[in-house]
Every structure is written in C-alpha cells, then in structure tokens.
Amino acid sequence: MSRLVAVVVGSVLGLLVTFTVTFTVTFTASAQPATRIQRVGFLGPSATPPIADVFRKALADLGYAEGRNLVIETRWPDGDQLDKLTEAARTLVEHRADVLVVVGATAARAARSVTKELPIVFIIAIDPVATGLVASADKPDGNLTGTTTYDPQQAQRQLEALRQALPGLARIALLSDTGAVPTLNQSNEKAAQALGLQTSTVKVERGNPDFEAAFETVKKDGAQALVVLSTPVTTANRKRIAELALRHRLPTLAPRDHADAGMLLSYGTSFLEATRRAASLTDRLLKGARPADVPVESVARHELIVNQKTARDIGVTLPAAVVSAAAQVIQ
C-alpha cells in the first residue's frame, strides 16, 4: 500500500511541476513588451519621392521594418509653397509622428512653425545657419537638426570646371526660381565676377514654371552656357531643362544628382548621400537623442560627372583634362 501511495504522490508532484513550468513559460511570454512602432512623418515638395525611397532603404539598413516597428507617413504638396507645406506638416503632427523629416529649407520652416517640441530632421537645406534654421551647425539649440550639401566654395569650383570645359566662355545664365534662397544666386554671381564671367539670372515661378520662356530669355541675353541652381523646382524638372538645353544646343552645368537627366556637366555633392545620413540622424532621435545636441552633418565630397553623349549632340568637344578629372563619364 505504501508503494501505491508513493506512486500516486509522485505522479501528482510531476503534474504540479509540469503545470508550474507551463504556467511560468506562458506568463513570461505574455509579459514581454510589444515592439513599439515608431512613426515618422516625411514631408517635402512634389519632387521628393525618389529621396524618400532612399530614406526608406537607409532606415531598413538600420533595422527598421515598415509594418513591424515603423510607419512612415508621407506628404507631397504640389510645388514648394509655404502655406501648403505648413498645412501638411500640421497634419503629420496631429497624426502623432515621433519625428518629422523634411526636404528643403521651406519645408523645414513650415514644420517649425507648427511645432517647437517635436524633433525635426531636415535634408539638404541650403546654409541652415544663415537661413536661421539652427543656431550653429555644432549646437543646433532647438528642435531641428539635419544634413546639408551646402559648401560656400562650390560655386567657385563648379564655375572653374565650366570655364575649363568651355574655353572662351564669357557669359553665363543662372537658372533659379522665385522661392530660392538668395545665398544660391549670390554665391554664384560672386564667383562668376571673380572669374571675369558676366551673368544674368532667370527665375521661373514655383507654382507654374515656364521653362520655354526662360530659355528664350537666356538666349536673348546671349548666354553661352546655363548654370542650373539647386532648387526643388529645377530638381523636379531637370529632364525638361535638359531637353530644352539640347534643343537650344546650350551647354549646361547642373547639380551632381541632375546627371541622370542628361546635363553636359553635373557637379557637386550628393543629395542621396545627405538623405542616407539624415536617416542615421532620425534613428538617433527615435532612440531618444535631443535635436539640440545632434550636430548638423555636412556632405562635403564633390564629384564631376561628364556626359559625352550630350557633348556630341550639342557639338561641343570637351578638353581631355576635363574628362580625365571626372568621377564618372557618361558615353
């Protein structure tokens, strides 16, 4: 009888142990916190989507997966108008974004006007200190930080490259838009003057850019080459600009990331590299860093891209020294 009792007691104890282990495992699993989904609001003018794709890929490389631990809500107001960008920024704030990511200085100003607390990361804002977005690059001292491709020496360097490519160049036109920051025009005009080049500036309207009329003005002014300044409007319409330049057989110098449109020369820093760095800054802010303590990052590596096909199409022979100095030659 005692043996039977011992067997029964042993079985009961075994069941209790099994139940305890099962209960403990189940309780521990249910006590694990759910993965927090981070919300990023992405705001930019209508030309922004390709940059947003690069941003998404960069965040994915940092371990974020949309639908699992990340939601990116995008807004692309038509053009680069402050009122439309402000309304879009307000919507993203109301939708409880954890961080706002904005493209360009106008979008940054729009976002700052609707929130002084939410962290904001700007991408490729021209001279963010001079335009008042941050107090200094090292210590932003506010709720904004970000990346910039601005280099005060770029205008000088790119016009030197253009003059070397076109011996005898005497007069150039600058293509911009009515909402561009004055820094762009001023730096290029000053650099042209230092190199003995005459300049004229042609600006298209942001809401309804008439590039055909702009090119007629450029030709009327006697410009021998067109310098395309970096603005949201010129970026969005870079292929149209390249087509018109080809029709008018006008040599072009454009930002580095306009090379895909068929410009003769493309020079400068990469917007896409600035976007990847902005993703890293966003990651830091999502993990608790304060924008005021996160320095603005500057993309400083310049590249010259030469398009030999365009050169042939417009009847220009580029000097061998220019071609050999290029980081990329498009045949």
Protein backbone atom coordinates (compact mmCIF):
# COMPACT_ATOMS: atom_id res chain seq x y z
CA MET A 1 0.00 0.00 0.00
CA SER A 2 2.78 2.42 0.83
CA ARG A 3 4.29 1.77 -2.60
CA LEU A 4 0.99 2.68 -4.26
CA VAL A 5 0.76 5.87 -2.24
CA ALA A 6 4.30 6.77 -3.25
CA VAL A 7 3.48 6.28 -6.95
CA VAL A 8 0.34 8.40 -6.68
CA VAL A 9 2.14 11.15 -4.81
CA GLY A 10 4.96 11.11 -7.36
CA SER A 11 2.51 11.43 -10.25
CA VAL A 12 0.75 14.34 -8.60
CA LEU A 13 4.04 16.11 -7.97
CA GLY A 14 5.04 15.54 -11.59
CA LEU A 15 1.82 17.11 -12.79
CA LEU A 16 2.36 20.07 -10.46
CA VAL A 17 5.88 20.57 -11.79
CA THR A 18 4.63 20.39 -15.38
CA PHE A 19 1.84 22.86 -14.62
CA THR A 20 4.26 25.22 -12.86
CA VAL A 21 6.71 25.17 -15.77
CA THR A 22 3.93 25.65 -18.32
CA PHE A 23 2.41 28.49 -16.33
CA THR A 24 5.77 30.19 -15.88
CA VAL A 25 6.63 30.00 -19.56
CA THR A 26 3.19 31.26 -20.58
CA PHE A 27 3.29 34.12 -18.09
CA THR A 28 6.81 35.16 -19.13
CA ALA A 29 5.88 35.21 -22.81
CA SER A 30 2.79 37.31 -22.19
CA ALA A 31 4.80 39.72 -20.04
CA GLN A 32 7.18 40.61 -22.91
CA PRO A 33 6.50 44.18 -24.09
CA ALA A 34 5.19 44.52 -27.64
CA THR A 35 7.58 46.03 -30.17
CA ARG A 36 6.93 49.76 -30.22
CA ILE A 37 6.02 51.10 -33.62
CA GLN A 38 7.87 54.33 -34.40
CA ARG A 39 6.06 56.90 -36.53
CA VAL A 40 7.96 59.12 -38.96
CA GLY A 41 6.29 61.93 -40.87
CA PHE A 42 8.04 62.64 -44.17
CA LEU A 43 7.33 65.99 -45.80
CA GLY A 44 8.60 67.53 -48.99
CA PRO A 45 7.58 69.18 -52.24
CA SER A 46 6.16 67.09 -55.06
CA ALA A 47 9.63 66.28 -56.42
CA THR A 48 10.62 64.44 -53.25
CA PRO A 49 9.54 60.76 -53.69
CA PRO A 50 12.90 59.45 -55.06
CA ILE A 51 14.62 60.89 -51.98
CA ALA A 52 12.00 59.22 -49.79
CA ASP A 53 12.83 55.85 -51.35
CA VAL A 54 16.50 56.29 -50.43
CA PHE A 55 15.46 57.31 -46.91
CA ARG A 56 13.31 54.18 -46.52
CA LYS A 57 16.15 51.94 -47.67
CA ALA A 58 18.58 53.62 -45.25
CA LEU A 59 16.22 53.08 -42.31
CA ALA A 60 15.73 49.46 -43.35
CA ASP A 61 19.51 49.01 -43.27
CA LEU A 62 19.40 50.31 -39.67
CA GLY A 63 16.94 47.59 -38.63
CA TYR A 64 13.57 49.25 -39.20
CA ALA A 65 10.79 47.40 -40.99
CA GLU A 66 7.65 49.17 -42.08
CA GLY A 67 4.60 47.46 -40.66
CA ARG A 68 6.60 45.82 -37.86
CA ASN A 69 8.36 48.58 -35.94
CA LEU A 70 8.00 51.56 -38.27
CA VAL A 71 5.33 53.61 -40.00
CA ILE A 72 6.31 56.33 -42.49
CA GLU A 73 3.54 58.73 -43.40
CA THR A 74 4.35 60.93 -46.39
CA ARG A 75 3.01 64.22 -47.68
CA TRP A 76 3.93 65.69 -51.10
CA PRO A 77 2.25 69.09 -51.55
CA ASP A 78 2.42 70.36 -55.11
CA GLY A 79 5.34 72.73 -55.60
CA ASP A 80 7.27 74.27 -52.72
CA GLN A 81 4.73 76.72 -51.33
CA LEU A 82 4.98 77.55 -47.64
CA ASP A 83 1.23 77.50 -46.93
CA LYS A 84 0.73 74.04 -48.43
CA LEU A 85 3.78 72.64 -46.66
CA THR A 86 2.63 74.16 -43.36
CA GLU A 87 -0.79 72.51 -43.62
CA ALA A 88 0.81 69.17 -44.48
CA ALA A 89 3.21 69.49 -41.52
CA ARG A 90 0.31 70.24 -39.19
CA THR A 91 -1.44 67.06 -40.34
CA LEU A 92 1.63 64.93 -39.64
CA VAL A 93 1.93 66.42 -36.15
CA GLU A 94 -1.75 65.72 -35.47
CA HIS A 95 -1.19 62.12 -36.57
CA ARG A 96 1.30 61.77 -33.70
CA ALA A 97 4.55 61.41 -35.59
CA ASP A 98 7.57 60.77 -33.35
CA VAL A 99 9.93 62.58 -35.75
CA LEU A 100 9.31 64.82 -38.75
CA VAL A 101 11.70 64.51 -41.70
CA VAL A 102 11.51 67.39 -44.17
CA VAL A 103 13.17 68.11 -47.51
CA GLY A 104 14.45 71.61 -48.09
CA ALA A 105 14.52 74.85 -46.12
CA THR A 106 10.93 75.85 -46.93
CA ALA A 107 9.57 72.56 -45.59
CA ALA A 108 11.77 72.96 -42.50
CA ARG A 109 10.36 76.41 -41.81
CA ALA A 110 6.85 75.06 -42.31
CA ALA A 111 7.41 72.24 -39.83
CA ARG A 112 8.99 74.53 -37.25
CA SER A 113 6.02 76.89 -37.46
CA VAL A 114 3.62 74.17 -36.27
CA THR A 115 5.73 72.51 -33.56
CA LYS A 116 8.51 73.63 -31.25
CA GLU A 117 8.72 70.29 -29.41
CA LEU A 118 8.61 67.50 -31.99
CA PRO A 119 12.08 66.55 -33.33
CA ILE A 120 12.61 67.65 -36.94
CA VAL A 121 15.30 66.38 -39.31
CA PHE A 122 15.88 68.43 -42.46
CA ILE A 123 17.52 67.13 -45.62
CA ILE A 124 19.65 69.28 -47.97
CA ALA A 125 18.66 72.64 -46.53
CA ILE A 126 20.93 75.29 -48.04
CA ASP A 127 23.08 77.02 -45.39
CA PRO A 128 20.86 76.20 -42.38
CA VAL A 129 22.75 78.61 -40.11
CA ALA A 130 22.48 81.65 -42.41
CA THR A 131 18.80 80.92 -43.06
CA GLY A 132 18.08 80.69 -39.33
CA LEU A 133 17.05 77.05 -39.11
CA VAL A 134 19.69 76.31 -36.44
CA ALA A 135 21.81 78.46 -34.14
CA SER A 136 25.01 76.71 -35.23
CA ALA A 137 25.97 73.52 -37.02
CA ASP A 138 27.67 72.06 -33.94
CA LYS A 139 24.92 73.03 -31.48
CA PRO A 140 21.56 73.43 -33.24
CA ASP A 141 19.90 74.60 -29.98
CA GLY A 142 16.29 73.87 -30.92
CA ASN A 143 14.09 71.07 -32.21
CA LEU A 144 15.79 70.90 -35.62
CA THR A 145 18.90 69.19 -36.93
CA GLY A 146 19.72 67.59 -40.25
CA THR A 147 22.02 67.44 -43.23
CA THR A 148 23.24 69.97 -45.76
CA THR A 149 25.10 69.77 -49.04
CA TYR A 150 25.96 73.46 -48.93
CA ASP A 151 29.59 74.40 -49.49
CA PRO A 152 30.49 78.11 -49.74
CA GLN A 153 33.32 77.19 -52.14
CA GLN A 154 31.19 75.11 -54.51
CA ALA A 155 30.13 78.00 -56.75
CA GLN A 156 33.77 78.91 -57.37
CA ARG A 157 34.79 75.33 -58.06
CA GLN A 158 31.92 74.49 -60.39
CA LEU A 159 32.32 77.65 -62.47
CA GLU A 160 36.04 76.96 -62.78
CA ALA A 161 35.14 73.49 -64.11
CA LEU A 162 32.66 75.03 -66.55
CA ARG A 163 35.18 77.57 -67.82
CA GLN A 164 37.78 74.86 -68.25
CA ALA A 165 35.27 72.77 -70.22
CA LEU A 166 34.33 75.71 -72.45
CA PRO A 167 37.43 77.75 -73.35
CA GLY A 168 36.46 81.27 -74.34
CA LEU A 169 33.40 81.29 -72.10
CA ALA A 170 32.45 84.88 -71.26
CA ARG A 171 28.75 84.99 -70.34
CA ILE A 172 26.56 82.57 -68.39
CA ALA A 173 22.94 82.47 -67.24
CA LEU A 174 21.82 81.25 -63.82
CA LEU A 175 18.53 79.33 -63.76
CA SER A 176 16.67 79.54 -60.47
CA ASP A 177 13.14 80.04 -59.16
CA THR A 178 11.28 82.75 -57.33
CA GLY A 179 11.42 80.96 -53.97
CA ALA A 180 15.11 80.05 -53.93
CA VAL A 181 17.19 81.30 -51.02
CA PRO A 182 19.32 84.33 -52.04
CA THR A 183 22.51 82.52 -51.00
CA LEU A 184 22.48 80.41 -54.16
CA ASN A 185 22.31 83.31 -56.57
CA GLN A 186 24.67 85.49 -54.59
CA SER A 187 27.42 82.89 -54.27
CA ASN A 188 27.34 82.08 -58.00
CA GLU A 189 27.22 85.73 -59.04
CA LYS A 190 30.19 86.50 -56.80
CA ALA A 191 32.15 83.52 -58.10
CA ALA A 192 31.41 84.47 -61.72
CA GLN A 193 32.57 88.01 -61.11
CA ALA A 194 35.83 86.73 -59.60
CA LEU A 195 36.40 84.64 -62.72
CA GLY A 196 35.61 87.50 -65.08
CA LEU A 197 32.32 86.00 -66.28
CA GLN A 198 29.23 88.07 -66.98
CA THR A 199 25.97 86.73 -65.56
CA SER A 200 22.25 87.07 -65.92
CA THR A 201 19.70 85.38 -63.69
CA VAL A 202 16.46 83.85 -64.93
CA LYS A 203 13.84 82.77 -62.39
CA VAL A 204 10.78 80.65 -63.06
CA GLU A 205 7.62 80.79 -60.96
CA ARG A 206 7.39 78.00 -58.43
CA GLY A 207 3.71 77.33 -58.90
CA ASN A 208 3.76 77.40 -62.72
CA PRO A 209 7.31 77.31 -64.12
CA ASP A 210 7.55 78.33 -67.78
CA PHE A 211 10.88 76.89 -68.86
CA GLU A 212 10.40 77.59 -72.55
CA ALA A 213 10.08 81.31 -71.82
CA ALA A 214 13.08 81.06 -69.50
CA PHE A 215 15.22 79.57 -72.29
CA GLU A 216 14.12 82.26 -74.72
CA THR A 217 15.31 84.84 -72.19
CA VAL A 218 18.60 83.01 -71.73
CA LYS A 219 19.26 83.01 -75.47
CA LYS A 220 18.20 86.65 -75.81
CA ASP A 221 20.71 87.58 -73.10
CA GLY A 222 23.47 85.98 -75.14
CA ALA A 223 24.44 83.38 -72.56
CA GLN A 224 26.92 80.78 -73.78
CA ALA A 225 26.11 78.30 -71.03
CA LEU A 226 23.40 77.67 -68.45
CA VAL A 227 24.10 77.05 -64.76
CA VAL A 228 21.16 75.27 -63.15
CA LEU A 229 20.94 76.10 -59.47
CA SER A 230 19.78 73.54 -56.93
CA THR A 231 16.13 74.18 -56.05
CA PRO A 232 13.09 71.90 -55.70
CA VAL A 233 11.67 73.25 -58.97
CA THR A 234 14.81 72.66 -61.04
CA THR A 235 15.25 69.21 -59.50
CA ALA A 236 11.68 68.21 -60.30
CA ASN A 237 12.03 69.49 -63.86
CA ARG A 238 15.63 68.52 -64.57
CA LYS A 239 14.73 66.32 -67.56
CA ARG A 240 12.65 69.10 -69.12
CA ILE A 241 15.54 71.52 -68.62
CA ALA A 242 17.99 69.08 -70.24
CA GLU A 243 15.64 68.60 -73.21
CA LEU A 244 15.34 72.34 -73.79
CA ALA A 245 19.09 72.80 -73.44
CA LEU A 246 19.62 70.14 -76.08
CA ARG A 247 17.10 71.82 -78.39
CA HIS A 248 18.87 75.17 -77.98
CA ARG A 249 22.31 73.50 -78.16
CA LEU A 250 23.18 75.17 -74.89
CA PRO A 251 25.84 73.67 -72.58
CA THR A 252 24.60 73.05 -69.05
CA LEU A 253 26.17 72.81 -65.62
CA ALA A 254 23.83 71.34 -63.01
CA PRO A 255 23.90 69.78 -59.52
CA ARG A 256 25.53 66.39 -59.22
CA ASP A 257 22.23 64.50 -58.84
CA HIS A 258 20.88 66.01 -62.08
CA ALA A 259 23.28 63.85 -64.09
CA ASP A 260 20.53 61.33 -64.88
CA ALA A 261 18.70 63.97 -66.93
CA GLY A 262 21.48 64.36 -69.50
CA MET A 263 23.18 67.59 -68.45
CA LEU A 264 26.56 68.29 -70.07
CA LEU A 265 28.31 68.71 -66.70
CA SER A 266 26.98 67.78 -63.27
CA TYR A 267 28.96 68.88 -60.26
CA GLY A 268 28.65 68.92 -56.50
CA THR A 269 27.74 66.81 -53.54
CA SER A 270 25.18 64.03 -53.49
CA PHE A 271 21.65 64.68 -52.22
CA LEU A 272 21.26 60.93 -51.86
CA GLU A 273 24.24 60.70 -49.51
CA ALA A 274 22.74 63.53 -47.46
CA THR A 275 19.48 61.55 -47.32
CA ARG A 276 21.23 58.44 -46.02
CA ARG A 277 22.88 60.50 -43.31
CA ALA A 278 19.51 62.03 -42.42
CA ALA A 279 18.20 58.50 -41.84
CA SER A 280 21.01 57.94 -39.31
CA LEU A 281 20.09 61.17 -37.52
CA THR A 282 16.44 60.09 -37.47
CA ASP A 283 17.47 56.80 -35.89
CA ARG A 284 19.28 58.69 -33.12
CA LEU A 285 16.26 60.88 -32.42
CA LEU A 286 13.90 57.90 -32.36
CA LYS A 287 16.18 56.39 -29.73
CA GLY A 288 15.91 59.46 -27.52
CA ALA A 289 18.59 61.93 -28.61
CA ARG A 290 17.68 65.63 -28.49
CA PRO A 291 17.93 67.57 -31.78
CA ALA A 292 19.58 70.45 -29.92
CA ASP A 293 22.51 68.13 -29.10
CA VAL A 294 22.86 66.46 -32.52
CA PRO A 295 25.20 68.42 -34.86
CA VAL A 296 24.14 69.17 -38.41
CA GLU A 297 26.00 66.90 -40.83
CA SER A 298 27.57 68.32 -43.97
CA VAL A 299 28.17 66.27 -47.10
CA ALA A 300 31.42 67.65 -48.48
CA ARG A 301 32.62 65.19 -51.15
CA HIS A 302 32.28 66.78 -54.61
CA GLU A 303 32.06 64.90 -57.87
CA LEU A 304 32.19 65.98 -61.51
CA ILE A 305 30.13 63.94 -63.97
CA VAL A 306 30.66 64.47 -67.70
CA ASN A 307 28.14 63.47 -70.37
CA GLN A 308 29.98 62.84 -73.63
CA LYS A 309 26.76 61.93 -75.46
CA THR A 310 25.30 65.35 -74.68
CA ALA A 311 28.57 66.96 -75.74
CA ARG A 312 28.33 65.26 -79.15
CA ASP A 313 24.64 66.15 -79.53
CA ILE A 314 25.24 69.88 -78.98
CA GLY A 315 28.51 69.99 -80.91
CA VAL A 316 30.91 70.54 -78.02
CA THR A 317 34.33 68.91 -77.72
CA LEU A 318 35.36 68.69 -74.10
CA PRO A 319 39.06 69.05 -73.26
CA ALA A 320 40.80 65.84 -72.28
CA ALA A 321 41.77 67.33 -68.90
CA VAL A 322 38.11 67.85 -68.01
CA VAL A 323 37.14 64.32 -68.99
CA SER A 324 40.03 62.77 -67.09
CA ALA A 325 39.14 64.75 -63.96
CA ALA A 326 35.57 63.43 -63.93
CA ALA A 327 34.46 60.89 -61.36
CA GLN A 328 32.10 59.48 -64.00
CA VAL A 329 31.91 59.79 -67.77
CA ILE A 330 28.59 59.02 -69.46
CA GLN A 331 29.15 57.82 -73.02
